[in-house]
PDB file of N, CA and C in Angstrom:
ATOM      1  N   MET A   1     -14.044  21.472 -20.297  1.00  0.00           N
ATOM      2  CA  MET A   1     -14.788  22.072 -22.047  1.00  0.00           C
ATOM      3  C   MET A   1     -13.923  21.340 -22.990  1.00  0.00           C
ATOM      4  N   LEU A   2     -12.572  21.297 -21.948  1.00  0.00           N
ATOM      5  CA  LEU A   2     -11.741  20.782 -23.824  1.00  0.00           C
ATOM      6  C   LEU A   2     -12.069  18.923 -23.900  1.00  0.00           C
ATOM      7  N   LEU A   3     -12.721  18.738 -22.601  1.00  0.00           N
ATOM      8  CA  LEU A   3     -12.877  17.252 -22.706  1.00  0.00           C
ATOM      9  C   LEU A   3     -14.721  16.814 -24.102  1.00  0.00           C
ATOM     10  N   LEU A   4     -15.479  17.685 -23.368  1.00  0.00           N
ATOM     11  CA  LEU A   4     -16.481  17.737 -24.223  1.00  0.00           C
ATOM     12  C   LEU A   4     -15.889  18.188 -25.765  1.00  0.00           C
ATOM     13  N   VAL A   5     -15.261  19.188 -25.987  1.00  0.00           N
ATOM     14  CA  VAL A   5     -14.823  19.437 -27.454  1.00  0.00           C
ATOM     15  C   VAL A   5     -14.451  17.788 -28.490  1.00  0.00           C
ATOM     16  N   LEU A   6     -13.470  17.324 -27.350  1.00  0.00           N
ATOM     17  CA  LEU A   6     -12.832  16.469 -28.166  1.00  0.00           C
ATOM     18  C   LEU A   6     -14.105  15.075 -28.073  1.00  0.00           C
ATOM     19  N   PHE A   7     -14.620  14.810 -26.855  1.00  0.00           N
ATOM     20  CA  PHE A   7     -16.011  13.912 -27.069  1.00  0.00           C
ATOM     21  C   PHE A   7     -16.844  14.369 -28.517  1.00  0.00           C
ATOM     22  N   LEU A   8     -17.064  15.442 -28.631  1.00  0.00           N
ATOM     23  CA  LEU A   8     -17.830  15.794 -30.047  1.00  0.00           C
ATOM     24  C   LEU A   8     -17.087  15.284 -31.511  1.00  0.00           C
ATOM     25  N   LEU A   9     -15.779  15.561 -31.065  1.00  0.00           N
ATOM     26  CA  LEU A   9     -14.988  15.289 -32.251  1.00  0.00           C
ATOM     27  C   LEU A   9     -14.657  13.661 -32.486  1.00  0.00           C
ATOM     28  N   LEU A  10     -14.699  13.162 -31.211  1.00  0.00           N
ATOM     29  CA  LEU A  10     -14.480  11.766 -31.596  1.00  0.00           C
ATOM     30  C   LEU A  10     -15.977  10.980 -31.955  1.00  0.00           C
ATOM     31  N   PHE A  11     -16.862  12.029 -31.533  1.00  0.00           N
ATOM     32  CA  PHE A  11     -18.092  11.171 -32.323  1.00  0.00           C
ATOM     33  C   PHE A  11     -18.385  11.605 -33.440  1.00  0.00           C
ATOM     34  N   ALA A  12     -18.338  12.690 -33.827  1.00  0.00           N
ATOM     35  CA  ALA A  12     -18.272  13.245 -35.319  1.00  0.00           C
ATOM     36  C   ALA A  12     -17.132  11.791 -36.342  1.00  0.00           C
ATOM     37  N   THR A  13     -16.308  11.741 -36.342  1.00  0.00           N
ATOM     38  CA  THR A  13     -15.391  10.994 -36.847  1.00  0.00           C
ATOM     39  C   THR A  13     -16.117   9.227 -36.636  1.00  0.00           C
ATOM     40  N   LEU A  14     -16.449   9.169 -35.289  1.00  0.00           N
ATOM     41  CA  LEU A  14     -16.848   7.646 -35.806  1.00  0.00           C
ATOM     42  C   LEU A  14     -18.080   8.038 -36.535  1.00  0.00           C
ATOM     43  N   VAL A  15     -19.255   8.965 -36.572  1.00  0.00           N
ATOM     44  CA  VAL A  15     -20.285   8.900 -37.696  1.00  0.00           C
ATOM     45  C   VAL A  15     -19.522   9.001 -39.261  1.00  0.00           C
ATOM     46  N   LEU A  16     -18.678   9.930 -39.295  1.00  0.00           N
ATOM     47  CA  LEU A  16     -18.219   9.737 -40.590  1.00  0.00           C
ATOM     48  C   LEU A  16     -17.482   8.380 -40.537  1.00  0.00           C
ATOM     49  N   MET A  17     -16.942   7.493 -39.860  1.00  0.00           N
ATOM     50  CA  MET A  17     -16.586   6.233 -40.164  1.00  0.00           C
ATOM     51  C   MET A  17     -17.733   5.129 -40.598  1.00  0.00           C
ATOM     52  N   VAL A  18     -18.658   5.286 -40.598  1.00  0.00           N
ATOM     53  CA  VAL A  18     -19.904   4.706 -40.844  1.00  0.00           C
ATOM     54  C   VAL A  18     -20.766   5.047 -42.013  1.00  0.00           C
ATOM     55  N   VAL A  19     -20.902   6.755 -41.892  1.00  0.00           N
ATOM     56  CA  VAL A  19     -21.536   7.355 -42.918  1.00  0.00           C
ATOM     57  C   VAL A  19     -20.545   7.204 -44.718  1.00  0.00           C
ATOM     58  N   ARG A  20     -19.581   7.675 -44.669  1.00  0.00           N
ATOM     59  CA  ARG A  20     -18.712   7.453 -45.306  1.00  0.00           C
ATOM     60  C   ARG A  20     -17.848   6.244 -46.367  1.00  0.00           C
ATOM     61  N   ARG A  21     -17.476   5.876 -45.361  1.00  0.00           N
ATOM     62  CA  ARG A  21     -16.854   4.254 -45.321  1.00  0.00           C
ATOM     63  C   ARG A  21     -15.553   4.394 -46.241  1.00  0.00           C
ATOM     64  N   ARG A  22     -15.057   5.648 -46.218  1.00  0.00           N
ATOM     65  CA  ARG A  22     -13.867   6.370 -46.667  1.00  0.00           C
ATOM     66  C   ARG A  22     -12.972   6.429 -46.301  1.00  0.00           C
ATOM     67  N   TYR A  23     -11.145   6.395 -46.680  1.00  0.00           N
ATOM     68  CA  TYR A  23     -10.434   7.035 -45.866  1.00  0.00           C
ATOM     69  C   TYR A  23     -10.634   6.135 -43.927  1.00  0.00           C
ATOM     70  N   ILE A  24     -10.687   4.920 -44.222  1.00  0.00           N
ATOM     71  CA  ILE A  24     -11.224   3.911 -42.803  1.00  0.00           C
ATOM     72  C   ILE A  24      -9.876   4.459 -42.011  1.00  0.00           C
ATOM     73  N   GLY A  25      -8.715   3.928 -42.420  1.00  0.00           N
ATOM     74  CA  GLY A  25      -7.537   3.739 -41.767  1.00  0.00           C
ATOM     75  C   GLY A  25      -7.159   5.325 -41.083  1.00  0.00           C
ATOM     76  N   ARG A  26      -7.252   6.677 -41.670  1.00  0.00           N
ATOM     77  CA  ARG A  26      -7.025   7.369 -41.278  1.00  0.00           C
ATOM     78  C   ARG A  26      -7.998   8.093 -40.480  1.00  0.00           C
ATOM     79  N   LEU A  27      -9.341   7.413 -40.531  1.00  0.00           N
ATOM     80  CA  LEU A  27     -10.021   8.329 -39.289  1.00  0.00           C
ATOM     81  C   LEU A  27     -10.100   7.140 -38.414  1.00  0.00           C
ATOM     82  N   THR A  28      -9.431   5.879 -38.221  1.00  0.00           N
ATOM     83  CA  THR A  28      -9.598   4.803 -36.856  1.00  0.00           C
ATOM     84  C   THR A  28      -8.185   6.055 -36.379  1.00  0.00           C
ATOM     85  N   SER A  29      -6.905   5.866 -36.930  1.00  0.00           N
ATOM     86  CA  SER A  29      -6.507   6.830 -36.178  1.00  0.00           C
ATOM     87  C   SER A  29      -6.703   7.934 -35.546  1.00  0.00           C
ATOM     88  N   LEU A  30      -7.208   8.769 -36.322  1.00  0.00           N
ATOM     89  CA  LEU A  30      -7.872   9.823 -35.592  1.00  0.00           C
ATOM     90  C   LEU A  30      -8.722   9.387 -34.709  1.00  0.00           C
ATOM     91  N   ALA A  31      -9.521   8.556 -34.684  1.00  0.00           N
ATOM     92  CA  ALA A  31     -10.332   8.168 -33.502  1.00  0.00           C
ATOM     93  C   ALA A  31      -9.492   8.416 -32.400  1.00  0.00           C
ATOM     94  N   THR A  32      -8.483   7.223 -32.926  1.00  0.00           N
ATOM     95  CA  THR A  32      -7.536   6.771 -31.392  1.00  0.00           C
ATOM     96  C   THR A  32      -6.694   7.743 -31.037  1.00  0.00           C
ATOM     97  N   LEU A  33      -6.340   8.766 -31.810  1.00  0.00           N
ATOM     98  CA  LEU A  33      -5.889  10.177 -31.154  1.00  0.00           C
ATOM     99  C   LEU A  33      -6.529  10.513 -29.985  1.00  0.00           C
ATOM    100  N   LEU A  34      -7.625  10.951 -30.358  1.00  0.00           N
ATOM    101  CA  LEU A  34      -8.530  11.364 -30.056  1.00  0.00           C
ATOM    102  C   LEU A  34      -9.056  10.678 -28.413  1.00  0.00           C
ATOM    103  N   ALA A  35      -9.496   9.171 -28.550  1.00  0.00           N
ATOM    104  CA  ALA A  35      -9.804   8.862 -27.411  1.00  0.00           C
ATOM    105  C   ALA A  35      -7.987   8.772 -26.453  1.00  0.00           C
ATOM    106  N   VAL A  36      -7.196   8.922 -26.983  1.00  0.00           N
ATOM    107  CA  VAL A  36      -6.235   8.650 -25.944  1.00  0.00           C
ATOM    108  C   VAL A  36      -6.067   9.895 -25.417  1.00  0.00           C
ATOM    109  N   ALA A  37      -6.211  11.347 -26.284  1.00  0.00           N
ATOM    110  CA  ALA A  37      -6.181  12.797 -25.754  1.00  0.00           C
ATOM    111  C   ALA A  37      -6.843  12.738 -23.877  1.00  0.00           C
ATOM    112  N   MET A  38      -8.298  12.492 -24.689  1.00  0.00           N
ATOM    113  CA  MET A  38      -8.907  12.071 -23.618  1.00  0.00           C
ATOM    114  C   MET A  38      -8.874  11.257 -22.403  1.00  0.00           C
ATOM    115  N   LEU A  39      -8.231  10.060 -22.614  1.00  0.00           N
ATOM    116  CA  LEU A  39      -7.815   9.379 -21.786  1.00  0.00           C
ATOM    117  C   LEU A  39      -6.786   9.935 -20.998  1.00  0.00           C
ATOM    118  N   MET A  40      -6.007  10.544 -21.392  1.00  0.00           N
ATOM    119  CA  MET A  40      -4.860  11.113 -20.590  1.00  0.00           C
ATOM    120  C   MET A  40      -5.487  12.585 -19.648  1.00  0.00           C
ATOM    121  N   ILE A  41      -6.029  13.228 -20.576  1.00  0.00           N
ATOM    122  CA  ILE A  41      -6.963  14.141 -19.555  1.00  0.00           C
ATOM    123  C   ILE A  41      -7.770  13.754 -18.372  1.00  0.00           C
ATOM    124  N   TRP A  42      -8.117  12.812 -18.731  1.00  0.00           N
ATOM    125  CA  TRP A  42      -9.022  12.325 -17.476  1.00  0.00           C
ATOM    126  C   TRP A  42      -7.692  11.600 -16.231  1.00  0.00           C
ATOM    127  N   MET A  43      -7.187  10.890 -16.964  1.00  0.00           N
ATOM    128  CA  MET A  43      -6.373  10.235 -15.758  1.00  0.00           C
ATOM    129  C   MET A  43      -5.830  11.362 -14.872  1.00  0.00           C
ATOM    130  N   GLN A  44      -5.261  12.271 -15.992  1.00  0.00           N
ATOM    131  CA  GLN A  44      -4.500  13.614 -15.359  1.00  0.00           C
ATOM    132  C   GLN A  44      -5.465  14.018 -13.964  1.00  0.00           C
ATOM    133  N   ASP A  45      -6.447  14.292 -14.598  1.00  0.00           N
ATOM    134  CA  ASP A  45      -7.487  15.090 -13.270  1.00  0.00           C
ATOM    135  C   ASP A  45      -7.395  13.751 -11.920  1.00  0.00           C
ATOM    136  N   ASN A  46      -7.630  12.479 -12.502  1.00  0.00           N
ATOM    137  CA  ASN A  46      -7.531  11.823 -11.090  1.00  0.00           C
ATOM    138  C   ASN A  46      -5.942  11.721 -10.568  1.00  0.00           C
ATOM    139  N   GLY A  47      -5.362  12.217 -10.700  1.00  0.00           N
ATOM    140  CA  GLY A  47      -4.563  11.860 -10.336  1.00  0.00           C
ATOM    141  C   GLY A  47      -3.798  10.658 -10.642  1.00  0.00           C
ATOM    142  N   LEU A  48      -3.701   9.908 -11.372  1.00  0.00           N
ATOM    143  CA  LEU A  48      -3.312   8.494 -11.967  1.00  0.00           C
ATOM    144  C   LEU A  48      -1.670   9.156 -12.687  1.00  0.00           C
ATOM    145  N   LEU A  49      -1.776   9.526 -12.825  1.00  0.00           N
ATOM    146  CA  LEU A  49      -0.143  10.219 -14.156  1.00  0.00           C
ATOM    147  C   LEU A  49       0.428  10.778 -13.057  1.00  0.00           C
ATOM    148  N   PRO A  50       1.982  10.007 -13.430  1.00  0.00           N
ATOM    149  CA  PRO A  50       3.138  10.487 -11.747  1.00  0.00           C
ATOM    150  C   PRO A  50       3.334  12.488 -12.125  1.00  0.00           C
ATOM    151  N   GLY A  51       3.490  13.129 -10.796  1.00  0.00           N
ATOM    152  CA  GLY A  51       3.792  14.088 -10.977  1.00  0.00           C
ATOM    153  C   GLY A  51       2.077  14.896 -10.541  1.00  0.00           C
ATOM    154  N   THR A  52       1.011  14.085 -10.392  1.00  0.00           N
ATOM    155  CA  THR A  52       0.016  14.773 -10.537  1.00  0.00           C
ATOM    156  C   THR A  52      -1.155  14.495  -9.056  1.00  0.00           C
ATOM    157  N   GLN A  53      -1.641  15.227  -8.758  1.00  0.00           N
ATOM    158  CA  GLN A  53      -2.683  14.986  -7.206  1.00  0.00           C
ATOM    159  C   GLN A  53      -4.199  14.732  -7.478  1.00  0.00           C
ATOM    160  N   GLY A  54      -4.562  13.761  -7.390  1.00  0.00           N
ATOM    161  CA  GLY A  54      -6.186  13.837  -7.306  1.00  0.00           C
ATOM    162  C   GLY A  54      -6.807  12.982  -6.313  1.00  0.00           C
ATOM    163  N   ARG A  55      -7.589  12.521  -6.888  1.00  0.00           N
ATOM    164  CA  ARG A  55      -8.368  11.402  -5.991  1.00  0.00           C
ATOM    165  C   ARG A  55      -8.127  10.100  -5.625  1.00  0.00           C
ATOM    166  N   PHE A  56      -7.332   9.326  -6.504  1.00  0.00           N
ATOM    167  CA  PHE A  56      -6.560   8.224  -6.869  1.00  0.00           C
ATOM    168  C   PHE A  56      -4.798   8.268  -6.514  1.00  0.00           C
ATOM    169  N   SER A  57      -4.228   9.448  -6.246  1.00  0.00           N
ATOM    170  CA  SER A  57      -3.027   9.962  -6.292  1.00  0.00           C
ATOM    171  C   SER A  57      -2.473   8.506  -5.171  1.00  0.00           C
ATOM    172  N   ASP A  58      -3.128   7.999  -3.835  1.00  0.00           N
ATOM    173  CA  ASP A  58      -2.466   7.801  -3.095  1.00  0.00           C
ATOM    174  C   ASP A  58      -2.073   6.088  -3.252  1.00  0.00           C
ATOM    175  N   SER A  59      -3.636   5.683  -4.523  1.00  0.00           N
ATOM    176  CA  SER A  59      -3.717   4.414  -4.675  1.00  0.00           C
ATOM    177  C   SER A  59      -2.591   3.771  -5.934  1.00  0.00           C
ATOM    178  N   ARG A  60      -1.936   4.778  -6.459  1.00  0.00           N
ATOM    179  CA  ARG A  60      -0.592   4.437  -7.473  1.00  0.00           C
ATOM    180  C   ARG A  60       0.356   4.503  -6.878  1.00  0.00           C
ATOM    181  N   PRO A  61       1.469   3.573  -7.361  1.00  0.00           N
ATOM    182  CA  PRO A  61       2.986   3.489  -7.075  1.00  0.00           C
ATOM    183  C   PRO A  61       4.057   4.981  -6.838  1.00  0.00           C
ATOM    184  N   HIS A  62       4.593   5.020  -5.781  1.00  0.00           N
ATOM    185  CA  HIS A  62       5.167   6.552  -6.036  1.00  0.00           C
ATOM    186  C   HIS A  62       6.560   6.258  -7.134  1.00  0.00           C
ATOM    187  N   THR A  63       6.720   7.484  -7.647  1.00  0.00           N
ATOM    188  CA  THR A  63       7.506   7.648  -9.009  1.00  0.00           C
ATOM    189  C   THR A  63       8.330   8.799  -8.211  1.00  0.00           C
ATOM    190  N   SER A  64       9.664   8.343  -9.157  1.00  0.00           N
ATOM    191  CA  SER A  64      10.490   9.840  -8.772  1.00  0.00           C
ATOM    192  C   SER A  64      10.279  11.473  -9.289  1.00  0.00           C
ATOM    193  N   LEU A  65       9.121  11.411 -10.098  1.00  0.00           N
ATOM    194  CA  LEU A  65       8.682  12.351 -10.457  1.00  0.00           C
ATOM    195  C   LEU A  65       7.958  12.863  -9.172  1.00  0.00           C
ATOM    196  N   ASP A  66       7.273  12.481  -8.180  1.00  0.00           N
ATOM    197  CA  ASP A  66       6.645  12.699  -6.893  1.00  0.00           C
ATOM    198  C   ASP A  66       7.262  13.315  -6.007  1.00  0.00           C
ATOM    199  N   PRO A  67       6.950  14.073  -5.345  1.00  0.00           N
ATOM    200  CA  PRO A  67       7.267  15.486  -4.124  1.00  0.00           C
ATOM    201  C   PRO A  67       7.912  13.978  -3.355  1.00  0.00           C
ATOM    202  N   PRO A  68       8.846  13.828  -2.605  1.00  0.00           N
ATOM    203  CA  PRO A  68       9.051  13.154  -1.387  1.00  0.00           C
ATOM    204  C   PRO A  68       8.044  12.907  -0.772  1.00  0.00           C
ATOM    205  N   LEU A  69       7.984  11.425   0.017  1.00  0.00           N
ATOM    206  CA  LEU A  69       7.033  11.674   0.968  1.00  0.00           C
ATOM    207  C   LEU A  69       7.490  12.091   2.407  1.00  0.00           C
ATOM    208  N   PRO A  70       6.946  12.092   3.244  1.00  0.00           N
ATOM    209  CA  PRO A  70       7.117  12.861   4.484  1.00  0.00           C
ATOM    210  C   PRO A  70       7.728  11.858   5.660  1.00  0.00           C
ATOM    211  N   ALA A  71       8.465  12.182   6.360  1.00  0.00           N
ATOM    212  CA  ALA A  71       9.446  11.194   7.029  1.00  0.00           C
ATOM    213  C   ALA A  71       8.762  10.704   7.915  1.00  0.00           C
ATOM    214  N   PRO A  72       8.500   9.578   8.191  1.00  0.00           N
ATOM    215  CA  PRO A  72       7.657   8.516   9.212  1.00  0.00           C
ATOM    216  C   PRO A  72       8.063   9.285  10.616  1.00  0.00           C
ATOM    217  N   PRO A  73       7.237   9.226  11.280  1.00  0.00           N
ATOM    218  CA  PRO A  73       7.614   9.462  12.614  1.00  0.00           C
ATOM    219  C   PRO A  73       8.411   8.934  13.508  1.00  0.00           C
ATOM    220  N   MET A  74       9.157   9.520  14.635  1.00  0.00           N
ATOM    221  CA  MET A  74      10.182   8.716  15.338  1.00  0.00           C
ATOM    222  C   MET A  74       9.390   8.154  16.010  1.00  0.00           C
ATOM    223  N   PRO A  75       9.787   6.551  15.922  1.00  0.00           N
ATOM    224  CA  PRO A  75       8.876   5.558  17.263  1.00  0.00           C
ATOM    225  C   PRO A  75       9.382   6.391  18.511  1.00  0.00           C
ATOM    226  N   ALA A  76       8.384   5.787  19.596  1.00  0.00           N
ATOM    227  CA  ALA A  76       8.495   6.244  21.173  1.00  0.00           C
ATOM    228  C   ALA A  76       9.885   5.482  21.421  1.00  0.00           C
ATOM    229  N   PRO A  77      10.589   6.189  22.796  1.00  0.00           N
ATOM    230  CA  PRO A  77      11.817   4.960  23.165  1.00  0.00           C
ATOM    231  C   PRO A  77      11.482   4.195  24.069  1.00  0.00           C
ATOM    232  N   PRO A  78      12.015   3.057  23.860  1.00  0.00           N
ATOM    233  CA  PRO A  78      11.117   2.025  24.675  1.00  0.00           C
ATOM    234  C   PRO A  78      11.395   2.094  25.898  1.00  0.00           C
ATOM    235  N   MET A  79      10.744   1.671  26.755  1.00  0.00           N
ATOM    236  CA  MET A  79      10.073   1.662  28.220  1.00  0.00           C
ATOM    237  C   MET A  79      10.958   0.554  28.435  1.00  0.00           C
ATOM    238  N   PRO A  80      11.785   0.847  29.998  1.00  0.00           N
ATOM    239  CA  PRO A  80      12.830   0.295  30.581  1.00  0.00           C
ATOM    240  C   PRO A  80      12.232  -1.463  31.085  1.00  0.00           C
ATOM    241  N   ALA A  81      12.904  -2.432  31.228  1.00  0.00           N
ATOM    242  CA  ALA A  81      11.829  -3.526  31.180  1.00  0.00           C
ATOM    243  C   ALA A  81      12.101  -3.329  32.892  1.00  0.00           C
ATOM    244  N   PRO A  82      11.239  -4.045  33.405  1.00  0.00           N
ATOM    245  CA  PRO A  82      10.328  -4.307  34.937  1.00  0.00           C
ATOM    246  C   PRO A  82      12.231  -4.778  35.448  1.00  0.00           C
ATOM    247  N   PRO A  83      12.570  -4.685  36.546  1.00  0.00           N
ATOM    248  CA  PRO A  83      13.573  -5.325  37.767  1.00  0.00           C
ATOM    249  C   PRO A  83      13.257  -6.722  37.913  1.00  0.00           C
ATOM    250  N   MET A  84      13.611  -7.530  37.253  1.00  0.00           N
ATOM    251  CA  MET A  84      13.715  -8.981  37.520  1.00  0.00           C
ATOM    252  C   MET A  84      13.630  -9.686  39.047  1.00  0.00           C
ATOM    253  N   PRO A  85      12.748 -10.294  39.473  1.00  0.00           N
ATOM    254  CA  PRO A  85      12.712 -10.432  40.991  1.00  0.00           C
ATOM    255  C   PRO A  85      14.185 -11.564  40.935  1.00  0.00           C
ATOM    256  N   ALA A  86      14.128 -11.300  42.449  1.00  0.00           N
ATOM    257  CA  ALA A  86      15.317 -11.993  43.194  1.00  0.00           C
ATOM    258  C   ALA A  86      14.744 -13.549  42.930  1.00  0.00           C
ATOM    259  N   PRO A  87      15.659 -14.269  42.776  1.00  0.00           N
ATOM    260  CA  PRO A  87      15.717 -15.654  42.597  1.00  0.00           C
ATOM    261  C   PRO A  87      15.111 -16.168  44.021  1.00  0.00           C
ATOM    262  N   PRO A  88      14.493 -16.958  44.439  1.00  0.00           N
ATOM    263  CA  PRO A  88      14.035 -17.612  45.653  1.00  0.00           C
ATOM    264  C   PRO A  88      15.009 -18.543  46.330  1.00  0.00           C
ATOM    265  N   MET A  89      14.758 -18.042  47.500  1.00  0.00           N
ATOM    266  CA  MET A  89      16.105 -18.041  48.632  1.00  0.00           C
ATOM    267  C   MET A  89      16.085 -20.354  48.556  1.00  0.00           C
ATOM    268  N   PRO A  90      17.094 -20.602  48.255  1.00  0.00           N
ATOM    269  CA  PRO A  90      17.142 -22.477  48.286  1.00  0.00           C
ATOM    270  C   PRO A  90      16.517 -22.779  49.688  1.00  0.00           C
ATOM    271  N   THR A  91      15.656 -23.644  49.675  1.00  0.00           N
ATOM    272  CA  THR A  91      15.166 -24.257  51.317  1.00  0.00           C
ATOM    273  C   THR A  91      16.313 -25.293  51.821  1.00  0.00           C
ATOM    274  N   PRO A  92      16.578 -25.244  53.006  1.00  0.00           N
ATOM    275  CA  PRO A  92      17.292 -25.902  53.257  1.00  0.00           C
ATOM    276  C   PRO A  92      17.202 -27.298  53.370  1.00  0.00           C
ATOM    277  N   PRO A  93      17.382 -28.524  53.378  1.00  0.00           N
ATOM    278  CA  PRO A  93      17.267 -30.005  52.817  1.00  0.00           C
ATOM    279  C   PRO A  93      16.987 -30.245  54.486  1.00  0.00           C
ATOM    280  N   MET A  94      15.631 -30.903  54.447  1.00  0.00           N
ATOM    281  CA  MET A  94      15.204 -31.566  55.281  1.00  0.00           C
ATOM    282  C   MET A  94      15.989 -32.405  55.767  1.00  0.00           C
ATOM    283  N   PRO A  95      16.415 -32.378  57.444  1.00  0.00           N
ATOM    284  CA  PRO A  95      17.006 -33.228  58.326  1.00  0.00           C
ATOM    285  C   PRO A  95      16.294 -34.443  57.972  1.00  0.00           C
ATOM    286  N   THR A  96      17.262 -35.940  57.906  1.00  0.00           N
ATOM    287  CA  THR A  96      16.702 -37.498  58.382  1.00  0.00           C
ATOM    288  C   THR A  96      16.579 -37.482  59.296  1.00  0.00           C
ATOM    289  N   PRO A  97      15.289 -38.277  60.051  1.00  0.00           N
ATOM    290  CA  PRO A  97      15.327 -38.762  61.143  1.00  0.00           C
ATOM    291  C   PRO A  97      16.701 -39.975  61.572  1.00  0.00           C
ATOM    292  N   PRO A  98      16.812 -40.039  62.843  1.00  0.00           N
ATOM    293  CA  PRO A  98      17.845 -41.368  62.847  1.00  0.00           C
ATOM    294  C   PRO A  98      17.269 -42.333  62.668  1.00  0.00           C
ATOM    295  N   MET A  99      18.299 -43.235  62.272  1.00  0.00           N
ATOM    296  CA  MET A  99      17.495 -44.435  61.579  1.00  0.00           C
ATOM    297  C   MET A  99      17.203 -45.740  63.602  1.00  0.00           C
ATOM    298  N   PRO A 100      15.995 -45.899  63.728  1.00  0.00           N
ATOM    299  CA  PRO A 100      15.972 -46.698  64.826  1.00  0.00           C
ATOM    300  C   PRO A 100      16.835 -47.964  65.064  1.00  0.00           C
ATOM    301  N   THR A 101      17.558 -48.116  66.068  1.00  0.00           N
ATOM    302  CA  THR A 101      18.370 -49.239  65.674  1.00  0.00           C
ATOM    303  C   THR A 101      17.493 -50.480  66.440  1.00  0.00           C
ATOM    304  N   PRO A 102      17.804 -51.736  65.851  1.00  0.00           N
ATOM    305  CA  PRO A 102      17.026 -52.991  66.126  1.00  0.00           C
ATOM    306  C   PRO A 102      17.441 -53.493  67.929  1.00  0.00           C
ATOM    307  N   PRO A 103      16.633 -53.996  68.206  1.00  0.00           N
ATOM    308  CA  PRO A 103      16.368 -53.946  69.760  1.00  0.00           C
ATOM    309  C   PRO A 103      17.452 -55.361  69.660  1.00  0.00           C
ATOM    310  N   ARG A 104      18.350 -55.605  71.397  1.00  0.00           N
ATOM    311  CA  ARG A 104      19.162 -56.825  70.950  1.00  0.00           C
ATOM    312  C   ARG A 104      18.382 -57.795  71.674  1.00  0.00           C
ATOM    313  N   ALA A 105      19.367 -58.858  71.018  1.00  0.00           N
ATOM    314  CA  ALA A 105      18.540 -60.150  71.885  1.00  0.00           C
ATOM    315  C   ALA A 105      19.529 -60.220  72.850  1.00  0.00           C
ATOM    316  N   PRO A 106      19.072 -60.817  74.102  1.00  0.00           N
ATOM    317  CA  PRO A 106      19.001 -61.148  75.261  1.00  0.00           C
ATOM    318  C   PRO A 106      20.181 -62.380  75.404  1.00  0.00           C
TER     319      PRO A 106
END
């Protein structure tokens, strides 16, 4: 209801500025004051001002006027690492076959 009254006052001020063409500076100041009041009410209704709740509260930055954020949930304890497999047993070296002896000359 307050926004409707402010809008009607703003509209009447704009009409006076066009019709009378006097006191333009004062009427402009009044129109600016009315428009800013309407904007502040709209921002408060939508949660865009610090300390207010509305549909856009989550999108604005957190300030010191807002209630504290809830603590983050505790992380789950880390899972124990699976046991490392035993290293493979080294294979014994292959025995080298004996060298054939050359035949003797008679």
